[in-house]
Every structure is written in C-alpha cells, then in structure tokens.
Amino acid sequence: MRRLLPLLTLSAALVATTALAAPPRACPGGLHRAVTAELYFGRDIRGAGEVSDADWTQFVDNEITPRFPAGLSVSDVYGQWRTPKGEFEREQTKALFLVLSGTAAERQSLALVRDAYKQRFHQDSVMLVEQQACVAF
C-alpha cells in the first residue's frame, strides 16, 4: 500500500476535483448533505509482521474513538498494487468509515489519527478518501 498511495492519491484527487466542480445535488427526502471519510490502514509492519487484531482494537479505542465519538464503522479489506518493478504486493487492510459533522476540529483529528497510525506501526501512509454524500441515521 505504501507504494500505491501516490497513484491512488492522484486518482482520488482527480475524482474529488471533478466532484467539487459539479454543483451540489439536492438530497432526497429524509437525507442531509454530509462529507464522508474513508481511511485505509495497511496492516503489514516492515520487517516486524502484522498489526494484530488486539493492536488494532487498542488503536481504535485510544486514537479513533476519542476523536470521533459519534460513531464509526470498520471493515477488513484486501489491497494490492504493482511495484515500480512490476511485482504485485498484497496487504490485509482495515478500512474506517466516518460521517463527518463539518467541524474544523475534524480535519485536525483525521490528520492526528493518520499520523498516530503511521508512527506506531511504521507505515509510510494512511490513505484518506473524502466524498460528498446524502446520509440519514
């Protein structure tokens, strides 16, 4: 995931730019406009195995939940990318899904969560994708 992120980041930025250029669409009845965030946390630790389920749970409890107490969803996903040498690398990944409230503090919280994971688990990056959405609870 570390080497794929520049390409994915560019792709996400292009999609986001296109989405931002379009006028906002009205949400159907019962839904309201919000920004959603997806974060992708690779579980491979260079030369040291993998982020365990217990380590992940502790990270969620200590770093994510305090910053996003309104709620979140997590899913196991599989990632792969092609290295510059043309080889495929594969990695188990945790995907975090959030509906943001729009506060300025959330931007900082997203950055703090990403930085904490990179530091704790020796990662080069944590991918972030944001989108406009219509949501209801």
N, C-alpha and C. Protein backbone atom coordinates (compact mmCIF):
# COMPACT_ATOMS: atom_id res chain seq x y z
N MET A 1 0.83 -1.18 0.00
CA MET A 1 0.00 0.00 0.00
C MET A 1 0.87 1.24 0.00
N ARG A 2 2.06 1.12 0.56
CA ARG A 2 2.93 2.28 0.66
C ARG A 2 3.27 2.85 -0.71
N ARG A 3 3.54 1.98 -1.68
CA ARG A 3 3.97 2.45 -2.99
C ARG A 3 2.79 2.83 -3.87
N LEU A 4 1.65 2.29 -3.62
CA LEU A 4 0.47 2.55 -4.42
C LEU A 4 -0.16 3.90 -4.10
N LEU A 5 0.09 4.41 -2.94
CA LEU A 5 -0.62 5.59 -2.49
C LEU A 5 -0.44 6.82 -3.37
N PRO A 6 0.75 7.08 -3.93
CA PRO A 6 0.82 8.26 -4.80
C PRO A 6 -0.16 8.17 -5.97
N LEU A 7 -0.27 7.00 -6.59
CA LEU A 7 -1.21 6.84 -7.70
C LEU A 7 -2.65 6.94 -7.22
N LEU A 8 -2.97 6.26 -6.10
CA LEU A 8 -4.32 6.32 -5.58
C LEU A 8 -4.68 7.73 -5.13
N THR A 9 -3.72 8.41 -4.54
CA THR A 9 -3.96 9.77 -4.08
C THR A 9 -4.26 10.69 -5.26
N LEU A 10 -3.50 10.54 -6.33
CA LEU A 10 -3.74 11.34 -7.52
C LEU A 10 -5.11 11.03 -8.09
N SER A 11 -5.46 9.76 -8.17
CA SER A 11 -6.77 9.36 -8.69
C SER A 11 -7.89 9.93 -7.83
N ALA A 12 -7.75 9.81 -6.51
CA ALA A 12 -8.77 10.34 -5.60
C ALA A 12 -8.87 11.85 -5.73
N ALA A 13 -7.75 12.52 -5.89
CA ALA A 13 -7.76 13.98 -6.04
C ALA A 13 -8.48 14.39 -7.32
N LEU A 14 -8.25 13.66 -8.40
CA LEU A 14 -8.93 13.97 -9.65
C LEU A 14 -10.43 13.76 -9.53
N VAL A 15 -10.84 12.67 -8.89
CA VAL A 15 -12.26 12.41 -8.69
C VAL A 15 -12.86 13.49 -7.80
N ALA A 16 -12.16 13.83 -6.73
CA ALA A 16 -12.66 14.86 -5.81
C ALA A 16 -12.77 16.21 -6.52
N THR A 17 -11.80 16.55 -7.35
CA THR A 17 -11.84 17.81 -8.08
C THR A 17 -13.04 17.85 -9.01
N THR A 18 -13.28 16.75 -9.70
CA THR A 18 -14.43 16.67 -10.59
C THR A 18 -15.72 16.80 -9.80
N ALA A 19 -15.79 16.11 -8.66
CA ALA A 19 -17.00 16.17 -7.83
C ALA A 19 -17.22 17.57 -7.27
N LEU A 20 -16.14 18.26 -6.91
CA LEU A 20 -16.27 19.59 -6.35
C LEU A 20 -16.68 20.60 -7.41
N ALA A 21 -16.31 20.35 -8.67
CA ALA A 21 -16.65 21.28 -9.73
C ALA A 21 -18.13 21.21 -10.08
N ALA A 22 -18.76 20.07 -9.86
CA ALA A 22 -20.18 19.91 -10.16
C ALA A 22 -21.01 20.60 -9.09
N PRO A 23 -22.15 21.18 -9.48
CA PRO A 23 -22.99 21.80 -8.46
C PRO A 23 -23.52 20.75 -7.50
N PRO A 24 -23.65 21.09 -6.22
CA PRO A 24 -24.15 20.11 -5.26
C PRO A 24 -25.57 19.70 -5.62
N ARG A 25 -25.82 18.42 -5.53
CA ARG A 25 -27.17 17.93 -5.83
C ARG A 25 -28.00 17.93 -4.55
N ALA A 26 -29.27 18.05 -4.71
CA ALA A 26 -30.17 18.03 -3.57
C ALA A 26 -30.29 16.59 -3.07
N CYS A 27 -30.40 16.44 -1.78
CA CYS A 27 -30.57 15.11 -1.20
C CYS A 27 -32.05 14.74 -1.21
N PRO A 28 -32.36 13.49 -1.44
CA PRO A 28 -33.75 13.04 -1.36
C PRO A 28 -34.31 13.26 0.04
N GLY A 29 -35.63 13.28 0.14
CA GLY A 29 -36.29 13.49 1.42
C GLY A 29 -35.78 12.56 2.50
N GLY A 30 -35.56 13.11 3.68
CA GLY A 30 -35.09 12.33 4.81
C GLY A 30 -33.58 12.22 4.91
N LEU A 31 -32.86 12.68 3.89
CA LEU A 31 -31.40 12.64 3.90
C LEU A 31 -30.85 14.06 3.96
N HIS A 32 -29.65 14.21 4.52
CA HIS A 32 -29.00 15.52 4.53
C HIS A 32 -27.59 15.39 3.97
N ARG A 33 -27.08 16.52 3.48
CA ARG A 33 -25.72 16.53 2.90
C ARG A 33 -24.68 16.42 4.01
N ALA A 34 -23.66 15.64 3.73
CA ALA A 34 -22.55 15.48 4.68
C ALA A 34 -21.32 15.05 3.89
N VAL A 35 -20.18 15.15 4.52
CA VAL A 35 -18.94 14.62 3.96
C VAL A 35 -18.65 13.31 4.66
N THR A 36 -18.30 12.30 3.88
CA THR A 36 -17.89 11.03 4.45
C THR A 36 -16.39 10.88 4.25
N ALA A 37 -15.76 10.16 5.15
CA ALA A 37 -14.32 9.92 5.06
C ALA A 37 -14.07 8.42 5.17
N GLU A 38 -13.18 7.94 4.31
CA GLU A 38 -12.71 6.57 4.37
C GLU A 38 -11.20 6.63 4.59
N LEU A 39 -10.71 5.88 5.56
CA LEU A 39 -9.28 5.79 5.80
C LEU A 39 -8.88 4.33 5.66
N TYR A 40 -7.74 4.09 5.03
CA TYR A 40 -7.26 2.74 4.78
C TYR A 40 -5.91 2.55 5.49
N PHE A 41 -5.90 1.59 6.42
CA PHE A 41 -4.75 1.34 7.28
C PHE A 41 -4.14 -0.01 6.90
N GLY A 42 -2.98 0.01 6.25
CA GLY A 42 -2.30 -1.23 5.93
C GLY A 42 -1.82 -1.91 7.20
N ARG A 43 -1.85 -3.25 7.20
CA ARG A 43 -1.51 -3.98 8.42
C ARG A 43 -0.11 -4.57 8.42
N ASP A 44 0.60 -4.51 7.30
CA ASP A 44 1.97 -5.03 7.27
C ASP A 44 2.92 -4.05 7.95
N ILE A 45 3.73 -4.57 8.84
CA ILE A 45 4.76 -3.76 9.50
C ILE A 45 6.09 -4.21 8.92
N ARG A 46 6.76 -3.31 8.25
CA ARG A 46 8.04 -3.65 7.60
C ARG A 46 8.97 -4.40 8.54
N GLY A 47 9.27 -5.64 8.19
CA GLY A 47 10.24 -6.43 8.94
C GLY A 47 9.78 -6.86 10.33
N ALA A 48 8.50 -6.61 10.67
CA ALA A 48 8.06 -6.94 12.03
C ALA A 48 6.68 -7.60 12.06
N GLY A 49 6.27 -8.21 10.98
CA GLY A 49 5.00 -8.93 10.98
C GLY A 49 3.82 -8.07 10.59
N GLU A 50 2.74 -8.21 11.35
CA GLU A 50 1.47 -7.57 11.00
C GLU A 50 0.83 -6.95 12.24
N VAL A 51 0.05 -5.89 12.02
CA VAL A 51 -0.72 -5.29 13.11
C VAL A 51 -1.76 -6.33 13.54
N SER A 52 -1.72 -6.74 14.79
CA SER A 52 -2.64 -7.78 15.28
C SER A 52 -4.03 -7.19 15.49
N ASP A 53 -5.01 -8.08 15.63
CA ASP A 53 -6.37 -7.62 15.94
C ASP A 53 -6.40 -6.88 17.27
N ALA A 54 -5.64 -7.37 18.25
CA ALA A 54 -5.60 -6.71 19.56
C ALA A 54 -4.98 -5.31 19.45
N ASP A 55 -3.89 -5.19 18.66
CA ASP A 55 -3.26 -3.88 18.46
C ASP A 55 -4.22 -2.93 17.75
N TRP A 56 -4.96 -3.44 16.75
CA TRP A 56 -5.91 -2.60 16.03
C TRP A 56 -7.01 -2.11 16.97
N THR A 57 -7.57 -3.03 17.76
CA THR A 57 -8.64 -2.66 18.69
C THR A 57 -8.16 -1.61 19.67
N GLN A 58 -6.95 -1.77 20.17
CA GLN A 58 -6.39 -0.79 21.10
C GLN A 58 -6.21 0.56 20.40
N PHE A 59 -5.78 0.54 19.14
CA PHE A 59 -5.62 1.78 18.39
C PHE A 59 -6.97 2.48 18.21
N VAL A 60 -7.99 1.71 17.86
CA VAL A 60 -9.34 2.29 17.71
C VAL A 60 -9.79 2.90 19.03
N ASP A 61 -9.62 2.15 20.12
CA ASP A 61 -10.06 2.62 21.44
C ASP A 61 -9.32 3.88 21.90
N ASN A 62 -8.02 3.94 21.64
CA ASN A 62 -7.20 5.03 22.16
C ASN A 62 -7.08 6.23 21.24
N GLU A 63 -7.11 6.01 19.92
CA GLU A 63 -6.84 7.10 18.98
C GLU A 63 -8.06 7.56 18.19
N ILE A 64 -8.90 6.61 17.77
CA ILE A 64 -10.00 6.98 16.87
C ILE A 64 -11.27 7.34 17.65
N THR A 65 -11.72 6.46 18.52
CA THR A 65 -12.98 6.69 19.23
C THR A 65 -13.00 8.01 20.00
N PRO A 66 -11.93 8.38 20.71
CA PRO A 66 -11.98 9.68 21.42
C PRO A 66 -12.14 10.87 20.47
N ARG A 67 -11.64 10.74 19.25
CA ARG A 67 -11.71 11.85 18.30
C ARG A 67 -13.01 11.85 17.49
N PHE A 68 -13.64 10.69 17.38
CA PHE A 68 -14.88 10.55 16.62
C PHE A 68 -15.89 9.75 17.44
N PRO A 69 -16.35 10.31 18.56
CA PRO A 69 -17.22 9.56 19.46
C PRO A 69 -18.64 9.34 18.94
N ALA A 70 -19.04 10.05 17.89
CA ALA A 70 -20.41 9.90 17.38
C ALA A 70 -20.63 8.54 16.71
N GLY A 71 -19.55 7.90 16.28
CA GLY A 71 -19.69 6.58 15.67
C GLY A 71 -18.78 6.39 14.48
N LEU A 72 -18.56 5.14 14.14
CA LEU A 72 -17.69 4.78 13.04
C LEU A 72 -17.98 3.35 12.63
N SER A 73 -17.48 2.97 11.47
CA SER A 73 -17.56 1.58 11.01
C SER A 73 -16.18 1.17 10.53
N VAL A 74 -15.86 -0.10 10.74
CA VAL A 74 -14.57 -0.65 10.32
C VAL A 74 -14.83 -1.93 9.56
N SER A 75 -14.04 -2.14 8.51
CA SER A 75 -14.17 -3.35 7.72
C SER A 75 -12.78 -3.86 7.36
N ASP A 76 -12.66 -5.17 7.21
CA ASP A 76 -11.43 -5.77 6.70
C ASP A 76 -11.49 -5.76 5.18
N VAL A 77 -10.45 -5.26 4.55
CA VAL A 77 -10.37 -5.24 3.09
C VAL A 77 -9.02 -5.76 2.66
N TYR A 78 -8.92 -6.08 1.40
CA TYR A 78 -7.71 -6.62 0.81
C TYR A 78 -7.19 -5.61 -0.18
N GLY A 79 -5.92 -5.27 -0.08
CA GLY A 79 -5.34 -4.32 -1.01
C GLY A 79 -4.19 -4.93 -1.79
N GLN A 80 -4.04 -4.46 -3.00
CA GLN A 80 -2.88 -4.86 -3.79
C GLN A 80 -2.50 -3.72 -4.72
N TRP A 81 -1.25 -3.70 -5.11
CA TRP A 81 -0.74 -2.69 -6.03
C TRP A 81 0.48 -3.25 -6.71
N ARG A 82 0.86 -2.60 -7.80
CA ARG A 82 2.03 -3.02 -8.56
C ARG A 82 3.20 -2.13 -8.19
N THR A 83 4.30 -2.74 -7.86
CA THR A 83 5.51 -2.00 -7.50
C THR A 83 6.14 -1.42 -8.76
N PRO A 84 7.07 -0.48 -8.60
CA PRO A 84 7.77 0.04 -9.78
C PRO A 84 8.49 -1.05 -10.58
N LYS A 85 8.82 -2.17 -9.92
CA LYS A 85 9.46 -3.30 -10.61
C LYS A 85 8.46 -4.19 -11.32
N GLY A 86 7.16 -3.86 -11.21
CA GLY A 86 6.13 -4.64 -11.88
C GLY A 86 5.61 -5.82 -11.08
N GLU A 87 6.02 -5.94 -9.84
CA GLU A 87 5.56 -7.04 -8.99
C GLU A 87 4.34 -6.59 -8.20
N PHE A 88 3.45 -7.56 -7.90
CA PHE A 88 2.29 -7.25 -7.08
C PHE A 88 2.64 -7.41 -5.61
N GLU A 89 2.20 -6.45 -4.82
CA GLU A 89 2.29 -6.56 -3.37
C GLU A 89 0.87 -6.60 -2.85
N ARG A 90 0.64 -7.45 -1.86
CA ARG A 90 -0.69 -7.62 -1.29
C ARG A 90 -0.62 -7.38 0.21
N GLU A 91 -1.71 -6.81 0.74
CA GLU A 91 -1.70 -6.47 2.16
C GLU A 91 -3.11 -6.48 2.72
N GLN A 92 -3.27 -7.12 3.87
CA GLN A 92 -4.53 -7.01 4.59
C GLN A 92 -4.62 -5.58 5.12
N THR A 93 -5.83 -5.03 5.10
CA THR A 93 -6.02 -3.62 5.41
C THR A 93 -7.29 -3.44 6.23
N LYS A 94 -7.31 -2.46 7.09
CA LYS A 94 -8.51 -2.06 7.81
C LYS A 94 -9.03 -0.79 7.14
N ALA A 95 -10.33 -0.77 6.83
CA ALA A 95 -10.97 0.41 6.27
C ALA A 95 -11.87 1.01 7.35
N LEU A 96 -11.73 2.29 7.58
CA LEU A 96 -12.51 3.03 8.57
C LEU A 96 -13.44 3.97 7.83
N PHE A 97 -14.72 3.96 8.19
CA PHE A 97 -15.72 4.80 7.54
C PHE A 97 -16.32 5.75 8.57
N LEU A 98 -16.33 7.04 8.23
CA LEU A 98 -16.86 8.07 9.12
C LEU A 98 -17.80 8.99 8.36
N VAL A 99 -18.83 9.47 9.03
CA VAL A 99 -19.64 10.57 8.53
C VAL A 99 -19.23 11.78 9.36
N LEU A 100 -18.72 12.79 8.69
CA LEU A 100 -18.20 13.95 9.40
C LEU A 100 -19.30 14.98 9.65
N SER A 101 -19.15 15.71 10.74
CA SER A 101 -20.15 16.72 11.10
C SER A 101 -19.83 18.08 10.49
N GLY A 102 -18.62 18.26 10.02
CA GLY A 102 -18.25 19.51 9.37
C GLY A 102 -17.48 20.48 10.25
N THR A 103 -17.08 20.07 11.44
CA THR A 103 -16.34 20.98 12.30
C THR A 103 -14.88 21.07 11.86
N ALA A 104 -14.26 22.20 12.16
CA ALA A 104 -12.86 22.40 11.81
C ALA A 104 -11.96 21.41 12.57
N ALA A 105 -12.37 21.03 13.76
CA ALA A 105 -11.56 20.11 14.57
C ALA A 105 -11.44 18.73 13.92
N GLU A 106 -12.44 18.35 13.11
CA GLU A 106 -12.37 17.03 12.46
C GLU A 106 -11.20 16.92 11.50
N ARG A 107 -10.90 17.98 10.79
CA ARG A 107 -9.76 17.97 9.85
C ARG A 107 -8.48 17.63 10.61
N GLN A 108 -8.30 18.29 11.75
CA GLN A 108 -7.12 18.02 12.57
C GLN A 108 -7.18 16.60 13.13
N SER A 109 -8.35 16.15 13.54
CA SER A 109 -8.49 14.80 14.09
C SER A 109 -8.14 13.73 13.06
N LEU A 110 -8.56 13.94 11.82
CA LEU A 110 -8.19 12.99 10.77
C LEU A 110 -6.67 12.91 10.61
N ALA A 111 -6.04 14.06 10.60
CA ALA A 111 -4.57 14.10 10.46
C ALA A 111 -3.89 13.44 11.66
N LEU A 112 -4.40 13.69 12.86
CA LEU A 112 -3.80 13.09 14.06
C LEU A 112 -3.93 11.57 14.07
N VAL A 113 -5.09 11.06 13.64
CA VAL A 113 -5.28 9.61 13.57
C VAL A 113 -4.31 9.01 12.56
N ARG A 114 -4.21 9.61 11.39
CA ARG A 114 -3.31 9.09 10.35
C ARG A 114 -1.86 9.12 10.84
N ASP A 115 -1.45 10.23 11.43
CA ASP A 115 -0.07 10.35 11.92
C ASP A 115 0.22 9.34 13.03
N ALA A 116 -0.74 9.15 13.94
CA ALA A 116 -0.53 8.20 15.04
C ALA A 116 -0.34 6.78 14.52
N TYR A 117 -1.12 6.39 13.53
CA TYR A 117 -1.00 5.05 12.98
C TYR A 117 0.34 4.88 12.27
N LYS A 118 0.71 5.87 11.46
CA LYS A 118 1.99 5.78 10.74
C LYS A 118 3.15 5.66 11.72
N GLN A 119 3.12 6.44 12.79
CA GLN A 119 4.20 6.40 13.76
C GLN A 119 4.21 5.08 14.53
N ARG A 120 3.07 4.70 15.05
CA ARG A 120 3.01 3.49 15.89
C ARG A 120 3.35 2.22 15.13
N PHE A 121 2.87 2.11 13.87
CA PHE A 121 3.04 0.87 13.13
C PHE A 121 4.00 1.00 11.94
N HIS A 122 4.82 2.04 11.95
CA HIS A 122 5.89 2.22 10.96
C HIS A 122 5.37 2.14 9.53
N GLN A 123 4.34 2.94 9.24
CA GLN A 123 3.75 2.98 7.92
C GLN A 123 4.19 4.25 7.19
N ASP A 124 4.28 4.16 5.87
CA ASP A 124 4.60 5.34 5.07
C ASP A 124 3.39 6.23 4.89
N SER A 125 2.20 5.62 4.89
CA SER A 125 1.00 6.42 4.63
C SER A 125 -0.25 5.71 5.14
N VAL A 126 -1.30 6.50 5.28
CA VAL A 126 -2.66 6.02 5.53
C VAL A 126 -3.51 6.77 4.52
N MET A 127 -4.15 6.04 3.62
CA MET A 127 -4.92 6.69 2.57
C MET A 127 -6.23 7.26 3.14
N LEU A 128 -6.57 8.46 2.71
CA LEU A 128 -7.80 9.14 3.09
C LEU A 128 -8.57 9.49 1.83
N VAL A 129 -9.85 9.13 1.80
CA VAL A 129 -10.74 9.50 0.70
C VAL A 129 -11.94 10.20 1.32
N GLU A 130 -12.26 11.39 0.84
CA GLU A 130 -13.44 12.13 1.31
C GLU A 130 -14.39 12.30 0.14
N GLN A 131 -15.70 12.23 0.46
CA GLN A 131 -16.71 12.39 -0.57
C GLN A 131 -17.92 13.13 -0.02
N GLN A 132 -18.63 13.82 -0.89
CA GLN A 132 -19.92 14.40 -0.54
C GLN A 132 -20.95 13.28 -0.60
N ALA A 133 -21.87 13.27 0.34
CA ALA A 133 -22.87 12.20 0.38
C ALA A 133 -24.19 12.74 0.93
N CYS A 134 -25.23 11.96 0.73
CA CYS A 134 -26.52 12.22 1.36
C CYS A 134 -26.69 11.11 2.40
N VAL A 135 -26.94 11.49 3.65
CA VAL A 135 -26.98 10.49 4.72
C VAL A 135 -28.21 10.68 5.61
N ALA A 136 -28.54 9.62 6.30
CA ALA A 136 -29.59 9.64 7.31
C ALA A 136 -29.23 8.60 8.34
N PHE A 137 -29.65 8.82 9.57
CA PHE A 137 -29.40 7.86 10.65
C PHE A 137 -30.72 7.35 11.19
